[in-house]
Amino acid sequence: MKQFDFEVQSPVGIHARPAVLLVEKAKTYNSRIIVQKGVLKANAKNIISLLTLRAHQKESVTFVIDGEDEEKAAEELKEFCIHNL
């Protein structure tokens, strides 16, 4: 299992457009990808689940990745977040 924290930089937070991009990226991996904000957890491959986090700019989220391609997913998702979230 891999995990990393990320502080949301997007002025709109993880909302509509950024969430769609994240879902599209997450679906390219076989691993289970969970995004957590406090006690809330969301499946990164499900747009509705992600939107329920209500993650705003400057808030911290944790990505928890578990599965056969977790190393690759963690590295690439970190880079993705820097440029899109």
PDB file of N, CA and C in Angstrom:
ATOM      1  N   MET A   1       0.847  -1.176   0.000  1.00  0.00           N
ATOM      2  CA  MET A   1       0.000   0.000   0.000  1.00  0.00           C
ATOM      3  C   MET A   1       0.893   1.239   0.000  1.00  0.00           C
ATOM      4  N   LYS A   2       0.526   2.201  -0.812  1.00  0.00           N
ATOM      5  CA  LYS A   2       1.231   3.474  -0.891  1.00  0.00           C
ATOM      6  C   LYS A   2       0.253   4.581  -0.516  1.00  0.00           C
ATOM      7  N   GLN A   3       0.793   5.647   0.060  1.00  0.00           N
ATOM      8  CA  GLN A   3      -0.058   6.802   0.329  1.00  0.00           C
ATOM      9  C   GLN A   3       0.772   8.073   0.312  1.00  0.00           C
ATOM     10  N   PHE A   4       0.093   9.172  -0.001  1.00  0.00           N
ATOM     11  CA  PHE A   4       0.739  10.481   0.028  1.00  0.00           C
ATOM     12  C   PHE A   4      -0.303  11.544   0.312  1.00  0.00           C
ATOM     13  N   ASP A   5       0.150  12.643   0.906  1.00  0.00           N
ATOM     14  CA  ASP A   5      -0.715  13.783   1.191  1.00  0.00           C
ATOM     15  C   ASP A   5      -0.517  14.835   0.116  1.00  0.00           C
ATOM     16  N   PHE A   6      -1.585  15.564  -0.153  1.00  0.00           N
ATOM     17  CA  PHE A   6      -1.516  16.638  -1.138  1.00  0.00           C
ATOM     18  C   PHE A   6      -2.395  17.799  -0.683  1.00  0.00           C
ATOM     19  N   GLU A   7      -1.859  19.016  -0.763  1.00  0.00           N
ATOM     20  CA  GLU A   7      -2.648  20.207  -0.458  1.00  0.00           C
ATOM     21  C   GLU A   7      -3.245  20.725  -1.755  1.00  0.00           C
ATOM     22  N   VAL A   8      -4.556  20.796  -1.817  1.00  0.00           N
ATOM     23  CA  VAL A   8      -5.263  21.223  -3.021  1.00  0.00           C
ATOM     24  C   VAL A   8      -4.884  22.668  -3.352  1.00  0.00           C
ATOM     25  N   GLN A   9      -4.451  22.894  -4.577  1.00  0.00           N
ATOM     26  CA  GLN A   9      -4.028  24.218  -5.022  1.00  0.00           C
ATOM     27  C   GLN A   9      -5.054  24.899  -5.925  1.00  0.00           C
ATOM     28  N   SER A  10      -5.881  24.126  -6.586  1.00  0.00           N
ATOM     29  CA  SER A  10      -6.864  24.679  -7.520  1.00  0.00           C
ATOM     30  C   SER A  10      -7.833  25.621  -6.799  1.00  0.00           C
ATOM     31  N   PRO A  11      -8.059  26.815  -7.349  1.00  0.00           N
ATOM     32  CA  PRO A  11      -8.991  27.765  -6.723  1.00  0.00           C
ATOM     33  C   PRO A  11     -10.401  27.193  -6.537  1.00  0.00           C
ATOM     34  N   VAL A  12     -10.788  26.236  -7.378  1.00  0.00           N
ATOM     35  CA  VAL A  12     -12.129  25.647  -7.257  1.00  0.00           C
ATOM     36  C   VAL A  12     -12.111  24.364  -6.433  1.00  0.00           C
ATOM     37  N   GLY A  13     -10.944  23.970  -5.942  1.00  0.00           N
ATOM     38  CA  GLY A  13     -10.827  22.737  -5.170  1.00  0.00           C
ATOM     39  C   GLY A  13     -11.003  21.524  -6.065  1.00  0.00           C
ATOM     40  N   ILE A  14     -11.318  20.391  -5.448  1.00  0.00           N
ATOM     41  CA  ILE A  14     -11.597  19.193  -6.251  1.00  0.00           C
ATOM     42  C   ILE A  14     -13.086  19.236  -6.573  1.00  0.00           C
ATOM     43  N   HIS A  15     -13.406  19.972  -7.586  1.00  0.00           N
ATOM     44  CA  HIS A  15     -14.776  20.208  -8.015  1.00  0.00           C
ATOM     45  C   HIS A  15     -14.885  19.863  -9.487  1.00  0.00           C
ATOM     46  N   ALA A  16     -16.053  19.718  -9.998  1.00  0.00           N
ATOM     47  CA  ALA A  16     -16.401  19.338 -11.363  1.00  0.00           C
ATOM     48  C   ALA A  16     -15.227  18.997 -12.292  1.00  0.00           C
ATOM     49  N   ARG A  17     -14.633  19.990 -12.926  1.00  0.00           N
ATOM     50  CA  ARG A  17     -13.603  19.727 -13.941  1.00  0.00           C
ATOM     51  C   ARG A  17     -12.379  19.012 -13.364  1.00  0.00           C
ATOM     52  N   PRO A  18     -11.768  19.485 -12.281  1.00  0.00           N
ATOM     53  CA  PRO A  18     -10.626  18.762 -11.730  1.00  0.00           C
ATOM     54  C   PRO A  18     -10.991  17.330 -11.297  1.00  0.00           C
ATOM     55  N   ALA A  19     -12.195  17.152 -10.780  1.00  0.00           N
ATOM     56  CA  ALA A  19     -12.627  15.822 -10.340  1.00  0.00           C
ATOM     57  C   ALA A  19     -12.767  14.876 -11.529  1.00  0.00           C
ATOM     58  N   VAL A  20     -13.297  15.359 -12.636  1.00  0.00           N
ATOM     59  CA  VAL A  20     -13.425  14.535 -13.843  1.00  0.00           C
ATOM     60  C   VAL A  20     -12.044  14.100 -14.318  1.00  0.00           C
ATOM     61  N   LEU A  21     -11.098  15.025 -14.323  1.00  0.00           N
ATOM     62  CA  LEU A  21      -9.730  14.695 -14.737  1.00  0.00           C
ATOM     63  C   LEU A  21      -9.117  13.643 -13.817  1.00  0.00           C
ATOM     64  N   LEU A  22      -9.346  13.775 -12.521  1.00  0.00           N
ATOM     65  CA  LEU A  22      -8.807  12.821 -11.557  1.00  0.00           C
ATOM     66  C   LEU A  22      -9.425  11.440 -11.762  1.00  0.00           C
ATOM     67  N   VAL A  23     -10.718  11.378 -11.969  1.00  0.00           N
ATOM     68  CA  VAL A  23     -11.393  10.095 -12.209  1.00  0.00           C
ATOM     69  C   VAL A  23     -10.827   9.428 -13.460  1.00  0.00           C
ATOM     70  N   GLU A  24     -10.682  10.201 -14.530  1.00  0.00           N
ATOM     71  CA  GLU A  24     -10.133   9.650 -15.775  1.00  0.00           C
ATOM     72  C   GLU A  24      -8.735   9.081 -15.550  1.00  0.00           C
ATOM     73  N   LYS A  25      -7.903   9.805 -14.813  1.00  0.00           N
ATOM     74  CA  LYS A  25      -6.547   9.347 -14.518  1.00  0.00           C
ATOM     75  C   LYS A  25      -6.566   8.112 -13.631  1.00  0.00           C
ATOM     76  N   ALA A  26      -7.368   8.130 -12.577  1.00  0.00           N
ATOM     77  CA  ALA A  26      -7.435   7.005 -11.638  1.00  0.00           C
ATOM     78  C   ALA A  26      -7.887   5.722 -12.328  1.00  0.00           C
ATOM     79  N   LYS A  27      -8.775   5.836 -13.292  1.00  0.00           N
ATOM     80  CA  LYS A  27      -9.289   4.655 -13.987  1.00  0.00           C
ATOM     81  C   LYS A  27      -8.246   3.985 -14.874  1.00  0.00           C
ATOM     82  N   THR A  28      -7.105   4.622 -15.079  1.00  0.00           N
ATOM     83  CA  THR A  28      -6.052   4.005 -15.895  1.00  0.00           C
ATOM     84  C   THR A  28      -5.229   2.999 -15.082  1.00  0.00           C
ATOM     85  N   TYR A  29      -5.485   2.891 -13.787  1.00  0.00           N
ATOM     86  CA  TYR A  29      -4.749   1.966 -12.918  1.00  0.00           C
ATOM     87  C   TYR A  29      -5.655   0.848 -12.429  1.00  0.00           C
ATOM     88  N   ASN A  30      -5.050  -0.303 -12.173  1.00  0.00           N
ATOM     89  CA  ASN A  30      -5.796  -1.439 -11.627  1.00  0.00           C
ATOM     90  C   ASN A  30      -5.962  -1.330 -10.118  1.00  0.00           C
ATOM     91  N   SER A  31      -5.093  -0.590  -9.470  1.00  0.00           N
ATOM     92  CA  SER A  31      -5.124  -0.458  -8.011  1.00  0.00           C
ATOM     93  C   SER A  31      -6.381   0.256  -7.524  1.00  0.00           C
ATOM     94  N   ARG A  32      -6.729  -0.024  -6.287  1.00  0.00           N
ATOM     95  CA  ARG A  32      -7.813   0.697  -5.603  1.00  0.00           C
ATOM     96  C   ARG A  32      -7.233   2.021  -5.143  1.00  0.00           C
ATOM     97  N   ILE A  33      -7.911   3.119  -5.452  1.00  0.00           N
ATOM     98  CA  ILE A  33      -7.418   4.454  -5.096  1.00  0.00           C
ATOM     99  C   ILE A  33      -8.490   5.174  -4.288  1.00  0.00           C
ATOM    100  N   ILE A  34      -8.136   5.491  -3.045  1.00  0.00           N
ATOM    101  CA  ILE A  34      -9.051   6.181  -2.140  1.00  0.00           C
ATOM    102  C   ILE A  34      -8.469   7.562  -1.835  1.00  0.00           C
ATOM    103  N   VAL A  35      -9.320   8.572  -1.833  1.00  0.00           N
ATOM    104  CA  VAL A  35      -8.917   9.917  -1.448  1.00  0.00           C
ATOM    105  C   VAL A  35      -9.634  10.229  -0.137  1.00  0.00           C
ATOM    106  N   GLN A  36      -8.869  10.655   0.874  1.00  0.00           N
ATOM    107  CA  GLN A  36      -9.438  10.937   2.189  1.00  0.00           C
ATOM    108  C   GLN A  36      -9.259  12.410   2.547  1.00  0.00           C
ATOM    109  N   LYS A  37     -10.281  12.964   3.159  1.00  0.00           N
ATOM    110  CA  LYS A  37     -10.205  14.312   3.741  1.00  0.00           C
ATOM    111  C   LYS A  37     -10.822  14.196   5.126  1.00  0.00           C
ATOM    112  N   GLY A  38      -9.968  14.242   6.131  1.00  0.00           N
ATOM    113  CA  GLY A  38     -10.463  14.020   7.492  1.00  0.00           C
ATOM    114  C   GLY A  38     -11.001  12.616   7.609  1.00  0.00           C
ATOM    115  N   VAL A  39     -12.236  12.484   8.082  1.00  0.00           N
ATOM    116  CA  VAL A  39     -12.846  11.158   8.227  1.00  0.00           C
ATOM    117  C   VAL A  39     -13.577  10.713   6.965  1.00  0.00           C
ATOM    118  N   LEU A  40     -13.704  11.598   5.985  1.00  0.00           N
ATOM    119  CA  LEU A  40     -14.394  11.266   4.742  1.00  0.00           C
ATOM    120  C   LEU A  40     -13.473  10.524   3.792  1.00  0.00           C
ATOM    121  N   LYS A  41     -14.020   9.519   3.105  1.00  0.00           N
ATOM    122  CA  LYS A  41     -13.263   8.737   2.131  1.00  0.00           C
ATOM    123  C   LYS A  41     -14.041   8.691   0.822  1.00  0.00           C
ATOM    124  N   ALA A  42     -13.294   8.755  -0.300  1.00  0.00           N
ATOM    125  CA  ALA A  42     -13.936   8.711  -1.606  1.00  0.00           C
ATOM    126  C   ALA A  42     -13.157   7.797  -2.547  1.00  0.00           C
ATOM    127  N   ASN A  43     -13.886   7.094  -3.381  1.00  0.00           N
ATOM    128  CA  ASN A  43     -13.297   6.281  -4.431  1.00  0.00           C
ATOM    129  C   ASN A  43     -12.860   7.236  -5.555  1.00  0.00           C
ATOM    130  N   ALA A  44     -11.570   7.265  -5.864  1.00  0.00           N
ATOM    131  CA  ALA A  44     -11.053   8.195  -6.869  1.00  0.00           C
ATOM    132  C   ALA A  44     -11.528   7.858  -8.281  1.00  0.00           C
ATOM    133  N   LYS A  45     -12.167   6.717  -8.450  1.00  0.00           N
ATOM    134  CA  LYS A  45     -12.664   6.316  -9.768  1.00  0.00           C
ATOM    135  C   LYS A  45     -14.150   6.620  -9.933  1.00  0.00           C
ATOM    136  N   ASN A  46     -14.717   7.359  -8.968  1.00  0.00           N
ATOM    137  CA  ASN A  46     -16.147   7.676  -8.992  1.00  0.00           C
ATOM    138  C   ASN A  46     -16.349   9.167  -8.744  1.00  0.00           C
ATOM    139  N   ILE A  47     -16.887   9.874  -9.726  1.00  0.00           N
ATOM    140  CA  ILE A  47     -17.040  11.334  -9.664  1.00  0.00           C
ATOM    141  C   ILE A  47     -17.923  11.766  -8.494  1.00  0.00           C
ATOM    142  N   ILE A  48     -19.031  11.105  -8.294  1.00  0.00           N
ATOM    143  CA  ILE A  48     -19.943  11.489  -7.207  1.00  0.00           C
ATOM    144  C   ILE A  48     -19.260  11.312  -5.860  1.00  0.00           C
ATOM    145  N   SER A  49     -18.564  10.207  -5.702  1.00  0.00           N
ATOM    146  CA  SER A  49     -17.841   9.947  -4.461  1.00  0.00           C
ATOM    147  C   SER A  49     -16.825  11.056  -4.187  1.00  0.00           C
ATOM    148  N   LEU A  50     -16.058  11.440  -5.204  1.00  0.00           N
ATOM    149  CA  LEU A  50     -15.060  12.501  -5.040  1.00  0.00           C
ATOM    150  C   LEU A  50     -15.691  13.834  -4.653  1.00  0.00           C
ATOM    151  N   LEU A  51     -16.788  14.174  -5.291  1.00  0.00           N
ATOM    152  CA  LEU A  51     -17.426  15.464  -5.012  1.00  0.00           C
ATOM    153  C   LEU A  51     -17.960  15.550  -3.582  1.00  0.00           C
ATOM    154  N   THR A  52     -18.271  14.413  -2.976  1.00  0.00           N
ATOM    155  CA  THR A  52     -18.778  14.438  -1.601  1.00  0.00           C
ATOM    156  C   THR A  52     -17.699  14.860  -0.597  1.00  0.00           C
ATOM    157  N   LEU A  53     -16.428  14.826  -0.993  1.00  0.00           N
ATOM    158  CA  LEU A  53     -15.355  15.264  -0.098  1.00  0.00           C
ATOM    159  C   LEU A  53     -15.394  16.768   0.150  1.00  0.00           C
ATOM    160  N   ARG A  54     -15.889  17.512  -0.826  1.00  0.00           N
ATOM    161  CA  ARG A  54     -15.908  18.972  -0.743  1.00  0.00           C
ATOM    162  C   ARG A  54     -14.519  19.506  -0.368  1.00  0.00           C
ATOM    163  N   ALA A  55     -13.517  19.042  -1.105  1.00  0.00           N
ATOM    164  CA  ALA A  55     -12.136  19.459  -0.850  1.00  0.00           C
ATOM    165  C   ALA A  55     -11.874  20.804  -1.526  1.00  0.00           C
ATOM    166  N   HIS A  56     -11.606  21.807  -0.717  1.00  0.00           N
ATOM    167  CA  HIS A  56     -11.386  23.165  -1.199  1.00  0.00           C
ATOM    168  C   HIS A  56      -9.906  23.499  -1.255  1.00  0.00           C
ATOM    169  N   GLN A  57      -9.617  24.619  -1.904  1.00  0.00           N
ATOM    170  CA  GLN A  57      -8.242  25.096  -2.007  1.00  0.00           C
ATOM    171  C   GLN A  57      -7.622  25.205  -0.615  1.00  0.00           C
ATOM    172  N   LYS A  58      -6.367  24.811  -0.510  1.00  0.00           N
ATOM    173  CA  LYS A  58      -5.559  24.845   0.722  1.00  0.00           C
ATOM    174  C   LYS A  58      -5.901  23.738   1.726  1.00  0.00           C
ATOM    175  N   GLU A  59      -6.852  22.872   1.386  1.00  0.00           N
ATOM    176  CA  GLU A  59      -7.162  21.745   2.261  1.00  0.00           C
ATOM    177  C   GLU A  59      -6.297  20.548   1.861  1.00  0.00           C
ATOM    178  N   SER A  60      -5.962  19.730   2.837  1.00  0.00           N
ATOM    179  CA  SER A  60      -5.115  18.570   2.598  1.00  0.00           C
ATOM    180  C   SER A  60      -5.965  17.321   2.391  1.00  0.00           C
ATOM    181  N   VAL A  61      -5.583  16.534   1.390  1.00  0.00           N
ATOM    182  CA  VAL A  61      -6.213  15.238   1.149  1.00  0.00           C
ATOM    183  C   VAL A  61      -5.115  14.177   1.131  1.00  0.00           C
ATOM    184  N   THR A  62      -5.493  12.957   1.443  1.00  0.00           N
ATOM    185  CA  THR A  62      -4.559  11.837   1.435  1.00  0.00           C
ATOM    186  C   THR A  62      -5.009  10.825   0.396  1.00  0.00           C
ATOM    187  N   PHE A  63      -4.073  10.421  -0.459  1.00  0.00           N
ATOM    188  CA  PHE A  63      -4.326   9.380  -1.441  1.00  0.00           C
ATOM    189  C   PHE A  63      -3.811   8.067  -0.871  1.00  0.00           C
ATOM    190  N   VAL A  64      -4.645   7.039  -0.872  1.00  0.00           N
ATOM    191  CA  VAL A  64      -4.262   5.705  -0.418  1.00  0.00           C
ATOM    192  C   VAL A  64      -4.452   4.771  -1.603  1.00  0.00           C
ATOM    193  N   ILE A  65      -3.348   4.154  -2.019  1.00  0.00           N
ATOM    194  CA  ILE A  65      -3.351   3.342  -3.236  1.00  0.00           C
ATOM    195  C   ILE A  65      -2.915   1.935  -2.887  1.00  0.00           C
ATOM    196  N   ASP A  66      -3.706   0.956  -3.292  1.00  0.00           N
ATOM    197  CA  ASP A  66      -3.418  -0.430  -2.951  1.00  0.00           C
ATOM    198  C   ASP A  66      -3.712  -1.318  -4.155  1.00  0.00           C
ATOM    199  N   GLY A  67      -2.687  -2.039  -4.606  1.00  0.00           N
ATOM    200  CA  GLY A  67      -2.897  -2.956  -5.715  1.00  0.00           C
ATOM    201  C   GLY A  67      -1.625  -3.231  -6.482  1.00  0.00           C
ATOM    202  N   GLU A  68      -1.781  -3.955  -7.569  1.00  0.00           N
ATOM    203  CA  GLU A  68      -0.636  -4.435  -8.336  1.00  0.00           C
ATOM    204  C   GLU A  68       0.216  -3.339  -8.973  1.00  0.00           C
ATOM    205  N   ASP A  69      -0.371  -2.204  -9.291  1.00  0.00           N
ATOM    206  CA  ASP A  69       0.399  -1.121  -9.911  1.00  0.00           C
ATOM    207  C   ASP A  69       0.477   0.116  -8.999  1.00  0.00           C
ATOM    208  N   GLU A  70       0.464  -0.120  -7.679  1.00  0.00           N
ATOM    209  CA  GLU A  70       0.431   0.976  -6.708  1.00  0.00           C
ATOM    210  C   GLU A  70       1.647   1.901  -6.791  1.00  0.00           C
ATOM    211  N   GLU A  71       2.829   1.345  -7.062  1.00  0.00           N
ATOM    212  CA  GLU A  71       4.045   2.176  -7.164  1.00  0.00           C
ATOM    213  C   GLU A  71       3.892   3.189  -8.301  1.00  0.00           C
ATOM    214  N   LYS A  72       3.560   2.681  -9.461  1.00  0.00           N
ATOM    215  CA  LYS A  72       3.385   3.538 -10.645  1.00  0.00           C
ATOM    216  C   LYS A  72       2.258   4.535 -10.424  1.00  0.00           C
ATOM    217  N   ALA A  73       1.151   4.069  -9.893  1.00  0.00           N
ATOM    218  CA  ALA A  73       0.000   4.934  -9.659  1.00  0.00           C
ATOM    219  C   ALA A  73       0.351   6.069  -8.702  1.00  0.00           C
ATOM    220  N   ALA A  74       1.043   5.754  -7.621  1.00  0.00           N
ATOM    221  CA  ALA A  74       1.398   6.782  -6.631  1.00  0.00           C
ATOM    222  C   ALA A  74       2.296   7.847  -7.255  1.00  0.00           C
ATOM    223  N   GLU A  75       3.315   7.418  -7.976  1.00  0.00           N
ATOM    224  CA  GLU A  75       4.232   8.373  -8.605  1.00  0.00           C
ATOM    225  C   GLU A  75       3.511   9.272  -9.608  1.00  0.00           C
ATOM    226  N   GLU A  76       2.734   8.647 -10.470  1.00  0.00           N
ATOM    227  CA  GLU A  76       2.057   9.407 -11.520  1.00  0.00           C
ATOM    228  C   GLU A  76       0.935  10.285 -10.972  1.00  0.00           C
ATOM    229  N   LEU A  77       0.239   9.830  -9.955  1.00  0.00           N
ATOM    230  CA  LEU A  77      -0.826  10.638  -9.366  1.00  0.00           C
ATOM    231  C   LEU A  77      -0.271  11.857  -8.627  1.00  0.00           C
ATOM    232  N   LYS A  78       0.887  11.710  -7.990  1.00  0.00           N
ATOM    233  CA  LYS A  78       1.523  12.870  -7.355  1.00  0.00           C
ATOM    234  C   LYS A  78       1.788  13.946  -8.394  1.00  0.00           C
ATOM    235  N   GLU A  79       2.359  13.540  -9.508  1.00  0.00           N
ATOM    236  CA  GLU A  79       2.665  14.489 -10.592  1.00  0.00           C
ATOM    237  C   GLU A  79       1.384  15.090 -11.155  1.00  0.00           C
ATOM    238  N   PHE A  80       0.373  14.252 -11.340  1.00  0.00           N
ATOM    239  CA  PHE A  80      -0.923  14.713 -11.838  1.00  0.00           C
ATOM    240  C   PHE A  80      -1.502  15.791 -10.923  1.00  0.00           C
ATOM    241  N   CYS A  81      -1.469  15.538  -9.628  1.00  0.00           N
ATOM    242  CA  CYS A  81      -2.033  16.476  -8.658  1.00  0.00           C
ATOM    243  C   CYS A  81      -1.342  17.833  -8.722  1.00  0.00           C
ATOM    244  N   ILE A  82      -0.047  17.832  -8.839  1.00  0.00           N
ATOM    245  CA  ILE A  82       0.719  19.084  -8.914  1.00  0.00           C
ATOM    246  C   ILE A  82       0.227  19.955 -10.068  1.00  0.00           C
ATOM    247  N   HIS A  83      -0.100  19.349 -11.166  1.00  0.00           N
ATOM    248  CA  HIS A  83      -0.485  20.102 -12.367  1.00  0.00           C
ATOM    249  C   HIS A  83      -1.981  20.337 -12.521  1.00  0.00           C
ATOM    250  N   ASN A  84      -2.801  19.567 -11.800  1.00  0.00           N
ATOM    251  CA  ASN A  84      -4.244  19.647 -12.027  1.00  0.00           C
ATOM    252  C   ASN A  84      -5.106  19.928 -10.808  1.00  0.00           C
ATOM    253  N   LEU A  85      -4.585  19.739  -9.612  1.00  0.00           N
ATOM    254  CA  LEU A  85      -5.397  19.944  -8.426  1.00  0.00           C
ATOM    255  C   LEU A  85      -4.784  21.029  -7.550  1.00  0.00           C
TER     256      LEU A  85
END
